[in-house]
Amino acid sequence: MDIKGKIISLKEYFKEVYLEGKRITWPPKKETMKGTYVVLITVIIAAIFLGIIDVGLAKLIQALLRG
């Protein structure tokens, strides 16, 4: 394929991307915010849980190495 053919192909690709982008339906802001809060709360809970497990295992390993 020559340069001209590649340029035409690239133009067609971006045209299709643009048309596909116009078909996207975005959720309302309120729904997006609810989803964001759910994700943030889940991440915070997981971080706290994993932090507790990490500290507990670290203390267990220290106790095993000392004993």
PDB file of N, CA and C in Angstrom:
ATOM      1  N   MET A   1       0.849  -1.174   0.000  1.00  0.00           N
ATOM      2  CA  MET A   1       0.000   0.000   0.000  1.00  0.00           C
ATOM      3  C   MET A   1       0.895   1.238   0.000  1.00  0.00           C
ATOM      4  N   ASP A   2       0.571   2.157  -0.856  1.00  0.00           N
ATOM      5  CA  ASP A   2       1.369   3.379  -0.940  1.00  0.00           C
ATOM      6  C   ASP A   2       0.919   4.399   0.106  1.00  0.00           C
ATOM      7  N   ILE A   3       1.627   5.514   0.136  1.00  0.00           N
ATOM      8  CA  ILE A   3       1.358   6.565   1.127  1.00  0.00           C
ATOM      9  C   ILE A   3      -0.055   7.117   0.977  1.00  0.00           C
ATOM     10  N   LYS A   4      -0.488   7.331  -0.259  1.00  0.00           N
ATOM     11  CA  LYS A   4      -1.817   7.887  -0.503  1.00  0.00           C
ATOM     12  C   LYS A   4      -2.900   6.942   0.035  1.00  0.00           C
ATOM     13  N   GLY A   5      -2.706   5.668  -0.181  1.00  0.00           N
ATOM     14  CA  GLY A   5      -3.665   4.682   0.318  1.00  0.00           C
ATOM     15  C   GLY A   5      -3.713   4.645   1.832  1.00  0.00           C
ATOM     16  N   LYS A   6      -2.534   4.796   2.459  1.00  0.00           N
ATOM     17  CA  LYS A   6      -2.487   4.809   3.922  1.00  0.00           C
ATOM     18  C   LYS A   6      -3.185   6.038   4.485  1.00  0.00           C
ATOM     19  N   ILE A   7      -3.008   7.185   3.824  1.00  0.00           N
ATOM     20  CA  ILE A   7      -3.646   8.417   4.278  1.00  0.00           C
ATOM     21  C   ILE A   7      -5.163   8.294   4.161  1.00  0.00           C
ATOM     22  N   ILE A   8      -5.643   7.739   3.075  1.00  0.00           N
ATOM     23  CA  ILE A   8      -7.085   7.539   2.877  1.00  0.00           C
ATOM     24  C   ILE A   8      -7.625   6.580   3.943  1.00  0.00           C
ATOM     25  N   SER A   9      -6.880   5.525   4.208  1.00  0.00           N
ATOM     26  CA  SER A   9      -7.284   4.554   5.214  1.00  0.00           C
ATOM     27  C   SER A   9      -7.338   5.199   6.599  1.00  0.00           C
ATOM     28  N   LEU A  10      -6.359   6.034   6.908  1.00  0.00           N
ATOM     29  CA  LEU A  10      -6.311   6.718   8.190  1.00  0.00           C
ATOM     30  C   LEU A  10      -7.475   7.695   8.329  1.00  0.00           C
ATOM     31  N   LYS A  11      -7.795   8.432   7.260  1.00  0.00           N
ATOM     32  CA  LYS A  11      -8.932   9.351   7.285  1.00  0.00           C
ATOM     33  C   LYS A  11     -10.224   8.590   7.540  1.00  0.00           C
ATOM     34  N   GLU A  12     -10.380   7.471   6.877  1.00  0.00           N
ATOM     35  CA  GLU A  12     -11.578   6.651   7.046  1.00  0.00           C
ATOM     36  C   GLU A  12     -11.687   6.140   8.485  1.00  0.00           C
ATOM     37  N   TYR A  13     -10.562   5.730   9.034  1.00  0.00           N
ATOM     38  CA  TYR A  13     -10.541   5.251  10.418  1.00  0.00           C
ATOM     39  C   TYR A  13     -11.028   6.345  11.371  1.00  0.00           C
ATOM     40  N   PHE A  14     -10.478   7.553  11.267  1.00  0.00           N
ATOM     41  CA  PHE A  14     -10.865   8.637  12.158  1.00  0.00           C
ATOM     42  C   PHE A  14     -12.305   9.072  11.932  1.00  0.00           C
ATOM     43  N   LYS A  15     -12.790   8.973  10.699  1.00  0.00           N
ATOM     44  CA  LYS A  15     -14.189   9.278  10.414  1.00  0.00           C
ATOM     45  C   LYS A  15     -15.095   8.290  11.147  1.00  0.00           C
ATOM     46  N   GLU A  16     -14.737   7.014  11.110  1.00  0.00           N
ATOM     47  CA  GLU A  16     -15.520   5.995  11.802  1.00  0.00           C
ATOM     48  C   GLU A  16     -15.454   6.169  13.320  1.00  0.00           C
ATOM     49  N   VAL A  17     -14.293   6.544  13.832  1.00  0.00           N
ATOM     50  CA  VAL A  17     -14.159   6.792  15.272  1.00  0.00           C
ATOM     51  C   VAL A  17     -15.057   7.956  15.683  1.00  0.00           C
ATOM     52  N   TYR A  18     -15.080   9.013  14.886  1.00  0.00           N
ATOM     53  CA  TYR A  18     -15.911  10.172  15.179  1.00  0.00           C
ATOM     54  C   TYR A  18     -17.392   9.789  15.180  1.00  0.00           C
ATOM     55  N   LEU A  19     -17.812   9.044  14.164  1.00  0.00           N
ATOM     56  CA  LEU A  19     -19.218   8.644  14.081  1.00  0.00           C
ATOM     57  C   LEU A  19     -19.598   7.724  15.241  1.00  0.00           C
ATOM     58  N   GLU A  20     -18.713   6.836  15.617  1.00  0.00           N
ATOM     59  CA  GLU A  20     -18.975   5.944  16.747  1.00  0.00           C
ATOM     60  C   GLU A  20     -19.051   6.744  18.046  1.00  0.00           C
ATOM     61  N   GLY A  21     -18.201   7.761  18.185  1.00  0.00           N
ATOM     62  CA  GLY A  21     -18.212   8.611  19.368  1.00  0.00           C
ATOM     63  C   GLY A  21     -19.515   9.376  19.532  1.00  0.00           C
ATOM     64  N   LYS A  22     -20.150   9.722  18.430  1.00  0.00           N
ATOM     65  CA  LYS A  22     -21.421  10.437  18.486  1.00  0.00           C
ATOM     66  C   LYS A  22     -22.543   9.541  19.002  1.00  0.00           C
ATOM     67  N   ARG A  23     -22.372   8.229  18.904  1.00  0.00           N
ATOM     68  CA  ARG A  23     -23.413   7.287  19.329  1.00  0.00           C
ATOM     69  C   ARG A  23     -23.335   6.957  20.811  1.00  0.00           C
ATOM     70  N   ILE A  24     -22.315   7.431  21.498  1.00  0.00           N
ATOM     71  CA  ILE A  24     -22.148   7.134  22.919  1.00  0.00           C
ATOM     72  C   ILE A  24     -23.222   7.862  23.719  1.00  0.00           C
ATOM     73  N   THR A  25     -23.837   7.141  24.660  1.00  0.00           N
ATOM     74  CA  THR A  25     -24.769   7.786  25.585  1.00  0.00           C
ATOM     75  C   THR A  25     -24.126   7.761  26.966  1.00  0.00           C
ATOM     76  N   TRP A  26     -23.912   8.925  27.518  1.00  0.00           N
ATOM     77  CA  TRP A  26     -23.265   9.049  28.810  1.00  0.00           C
ATOM     78  C   TRP A  26     -24.311   9.019  29.908  1.00  0.00           C
ATOM     79  N   PRO A  27     -23.989   8.403  31.056  1.00  0.00           N
ATOM     80  CA  PRO A  27     -24.950   8.398  32.169  1.00  0.00           C
ATOM     81  C   PRO A  27     -25.079   9.802  32.757  1.00  0.00           C
ATOM     82  N   PRO A  28     -26.204  10.056  33.423  1.00  0.00           N
ATOM     83  CA  PRO A  28     -26.383  11.368  34.060  1.00  0.00           C
ATOM     84  C   PRO A  28     -25.334  11.595  35.153  1.00  0.00           C
ATOM     85  N   LYS A  29     -25.102  12.859  35.465  1.00  0.00           N
ATOM     86  CA  LYS A  29     -24.077  13.220  36.455  1.00  0.00           C
ATOM     87  C   LYS A  29     -24.362  12.567  37.810  1.00  0.00           C
ATOM     88  N   LYS A  30     -25.637  12.539  38.209  1.00  0.00           N
ATOM     89  CA  LYS A  30     -26.005  11.974  39.501  1.00  0.00           C
ATOM     90  C   LYS A  30     -25.627  10.490  39.571  1.00  0.00           C
ATOM     91  N   GLU A  31     -25.895   9.763  38.522  1.00  0.00           N
ATOM     92  CA  GLU A  31     -25.560   8.339  38.478  1.00  0.00           C
ATOM     93  C   GLU A  31     -24.045   8.126  38.485  1.00  0.00           C
ATOM     94  N   THR A  32     -23.330   8.970  37.776  1.00  0.00           N
ATOM     95  CA  THR A  32     -21.872   8.881  37.741  1.00  0.00           C
ATOM     96  C   THR A  32     -21.279   9.150  39.121  1.00  0.00           C
ATOM     97  N   MET A  33     -21.807  10.131  39.828  1.00  0.00           N
ATOM     98  CA  MET A  33     -21.318  10.454  41.164  1.00  0.00           C
ATOM     99  C   MET A  33     -21.588   9.304  42.134  1.00  0.00           C
ATOM    100  N   LYS A  34     -22.759   8.674  42.034  1.00  0.00           N
ATOM    101  CA  LYS A  34     -23.069   7.532  42.896  1.00  0.00           C
ATOM    102  C   LYS A  34     -22.056   6.410  42.663  1.00  0.00           C
ATOM    103  N   GLY A  35     -21.787   6.127  41.401  1.00  0.00           N
ATOM    104  CA  GLY A  35     -20.816   5.089  41.067  1.00  0.00           C
ATOM    105  C   GLY A  35     -19.433   5.423  41.587  1.00  0.00           C
ATOM    106  N   THR A  36     -19.064   6.691  41.499  1.00  0.00           N
ATOM    107  CA  THR A  36     -17.756   7.128  41.989  1.00  0.00           C
ATOM    108  C   THR A  36     -17.656   6.929  43.499  1.00  0.00           C
ATOM    109  N   TYR A  37     -18.713   7.289  44.218  1.00  0.00           N
ATOM    110  CA  TYR A  37     -18.704   7.114  45.674  1.00  0.00           C
ATOM    111  C   TYR A  37     -18.601   5.636  46.050  1.00  0.00           C
ATOM    112  N   VAL A  38     -19.313   4.791  45.331  1.00  0.00           N
ATOM    113  CA  VAL A  38     -19.248   3.354  45.611  1.00  0.00           C
ATOM    114  C   VAL A  38     -17.817   2.841  45.416  1.00  0.00           C
ATOM    115  N   VAL A  39     -17.182   3.256  44.345  1.00  0.00           N
ATOM    116  CA  VAL A  39     -15.812   2.817  44.071  1.00  0.00           C
ATOM    117  C   VAL A  39     -14.863   3.330  45.156  1.00  0.00           C
ATOM    118  N   LEU A  40     -14.967   4.604  45.517  1.00  0.00           N
ATOM    119  CA  LEU A  40     -14.083   5.174  46.543  1.00  0.00           C
ATOM    120  C   LEU A  40     -14.249   4.474  47.888  1.00  0.00           C
ATOM    121  N   ILE A  41     -15.487   4.235  48.300  1.00  0.00           N
ATOM    122  CA  ILE A  41     -15.735   3.564  49.577  1.00  0.00           C
ATOM    123  C   ILE A  41     -15.186   2.143  49.542  1.00  0.00           C
ATOM    124  N   THR A  42     -15.384   1.445  48.420  1.00  0.00           N
ATOM    125  CA  THR A  42     -14.869   0.079  48.286  1.00  0.00           C
ATOM    126  C   THR A  42     -13.348   0.057  48.358  1.00  0.00           C
ATOM    127  N   VAL A  43     -12.694   0.995  47.716  1.00  0.00           N
ATOM    128  CA  VAL A  43     -11.227   1.062  47.735  1.00  0.00           C
ATOM    129  C   VAL A  43     -10.724   1.368  49.139  1.00  0.00           C
ATOM    130  N   ILE A  44     -11.382   2.277  49.831  1.00  0.00           N
ATOM    131  CA  ILE A  44     -10.970   2.621  51.193  1.00  0.00           C
ATOM    132  C   ILE A  44     -11.122   1.421  52.125  1.00  0.00           C
ATOM    133  N   ILE A  45     -12.242   0.726  52.020  1.00  0.00           N
ATOM    134  CA  ILE A  45     -12.457  -0.462  52.855  1.00  0.00           C
ATOM    135  C   ILE A  45     -11.410  -1.533  52.545  1.00  0.00           C
ATOM    136  N   ALA A  46     -11.139  -1.761  51.270  1.00  0.00           N
ATOM    137  CA  ALA A  46     -10.130  -2.756  50.888  1.00  0.00           C
ATOM    138  C   ALA A  46      -8.750  -2.358  51.396  1.00  0.00           C
ATOM    139  N   ALA A  47      -8.416  -1.072  51.321  1.00  0.00           N
ATOM    140  CA  ALA A  47      -7.106  -0.596  51.790  1.00  0.00           C
ATOM    141  C   ALA A  47      -6.968  -0.785  53.295  1.00  0.00           C
ATOM    142  N   ILE A  48      -8.013  -0.475  54.038  1.00  0.00           N
ATOM    143  CA  ILE A  48      -7.972  -0.664  55.495  1.00  0.00           C
ATOM    144  C   ILE A  48      -7.824  -2.144  55.825  1.00  0.00           C
ATOM    145  N   PHE A  49      -8.609  -2.981  55.170  1.00  0.00           N
ATOM    146  CA  PHE A  49      -8.546  -4.424  55.403  1.00  0.00           C
ATOM    147  C   PHE A  49      -7.147  -4.970  55.107  1.00  0.00           C
ATOM    148  N   LEU A  50      -6.612  -4.611  53.950  1.00  0.00           N
ATOM    149  CA  LEU A  50      -5.280  -5.106  53.586  1.00  0.00           C
ATOM    150  C   LEU A  50      -4.197  -4.541  54.505  1.00  0.00           C
ATOM    151  N   GLY A  51      -4.368  -3.307  54.973  1.00  0.00           N
ATOM    152  CA  GLY A  51      -3.423  -2.722  55.914  1.00  0.00           C
ATOM    153  C   GLY A  51      -3.407  -3.482  57.224  1.00  0.00           C
ATOM    154  N   ILE A  52      -4.591  -3.831  57.717  1.00  0.00           N
ATOM    155  CA  ILE A  52      -4.691  -4.595  58.961  1.00  0.00           C
ATOM    156  C   ILE A  52      -4.043  -5.973  58.792  1.00  0.00           C
ATOM    157  N   ILE A  53      -4.326  -6.630  57.677  1.00  0.00           N
ATOM    158  CA  ILE A  53      -3.726  -7.938  57.404  1.00  0.00           C
ATOM    159  C   ILE A  53      -2.200  -7.813  57.331  1.00  0.00           C
ATOM    160  N   ASP A  54      -1.712  -6.779  56.672  1.00  0.00           N
ATOM    161  CA  ASP A  54      -0.271  -6.564  56.517  1.00  0.00           C
ATOM    162  C   ASP A  54       0.411  -6.372  57.869  1.00  0.00           C
ATOM    163  N   VAL A  55      -0.175  -5.524  58.698  1.00  0.00           N
ATOM    164  CA  VAL A  55       0.403  -5.281  60.022  1.00  0.00           C
ATOM    165  C   VAL A  55       0.368  -6.559  60.858  1.00  0.00           C
ATOM    166  N   GLY A  56      -0.737  -7.277  60.801  1.00  0.00           N
ATOM    167  CA  GLY A  56      -0.852  -8.518  61.562  1.00  0.00           C
ATOM    168  C   GLY A  56       0.164  -9.555  61.134  1.00  0.00           C
ATOM    169  N   LEU A  57       0.327  -9.724  59.832  1.00  0.00           N
ATOM    170  CA  LEU A  57       1.316 -10.688  59.340  1.00  0.00           C
ATOM    171  C   LEU A  57       2.735 -10.252  59.670  1.00  0.00           C
ATOM    172  N   ALA A  58       3.011  -8.962  59.612  1.00  0.00           N
ATOM    173  CA  ALA A  58       4.346  -8.460  59.950  1.00  0.00           C
ATOM    174  C   ALA A  58       4.668  -8.764  61.417  1.00  0.00           C
ATOM    175  N   LYS A  59       3.689  -8.531  62.303  1.00  0.00           N
ATOM    176  CA  LYS A  59       3.902  -8.827  63.724  1.00  0.00           C
ATOM    177  C   LYS A  59       4.071 -10.329  63.951  1.00  0.00           C
ATOM    178  N   LEU A  60       3.319 -11.135  63.239  1.00  0.00           N
ATOM    179  CA  LEU A  60       3.435 -12.590  63.350  1.00  0.00           C
ATOM    180  C   LEU A  60       4.821 -13.059  62.914  1.00  0.00           C
ATOM    181  N   ILE A  61       5.304 -12.542  61.820  1.00  0.00           N
ATOM    182  CA  ILE A  61       6.634 -12.928  61.330  1.00  0.00           C
ATOM    183  C   ILE A  61       7.715 -12.464  62.300  1.00  0.00           C
ATOM    184  N   GLN A  62       7.573 -11.243  62.840  1.00  0.00           N
ATOM    185  CA  GLN A  62       8.544 -10.764  63.837  1.00  0.00           C
ATOM    186  C   GLN A  62       8.555 -11.675  65.055  1.00  0.00           C
ATOM    187  N   ALA A  63       7.374 -12.090  65.509  1.00  0.00           N
ATOM    188  CA  ALA A  63       7.300 -12.963  66.677  1.00  0.00           C
ATOM    189  C   ALA A  63       7.927 -14.320  66.383  1.00  0.00           C
ATOM    190  N   LEU A  64       7.732 -14.828  65.177  1.00  0.00           N
ATOM    191  CA  LEU A  64       8.313 -16.119  64.818  1.00  0.00           C
ATOM    192  C   LEU A  64       9.840 -16.033  64.706  1.00  0.00           C
ATOM    193  N   LEU A  65      10.339 -14.915  64.201  1.00  0.00           N
ATOM    194  CA  LEU A  65      11.787 -14.764  64.052  1.00  0.00           C
ATOM    195  C   LEU A  65      12.484 -14.543  65.399  1.00  0.00           C
ATOM    196  N   ARG A  66      11.813 -13.911  66.340  1.00  0.00           N
ATOM    197  CA  ARG A  66      12.386 -13.671  67.668  1.00  0.00           C
ATOM    198  C   ARG A  66      12.385 -14.943  68.508  1.00  0.00           C
ATOM    199  N   GLY A  67      11.323 -15.727  68.375  1.00  0.00           N
ATOM    200  CA  GLY A  67      11.115 -16.882  69.235  1.00  0.00           C
ATOM    201  C   GLY A  67      11.977 -18.021  68.917  1.00  0.00           C
TER     202      GLY A  67
END
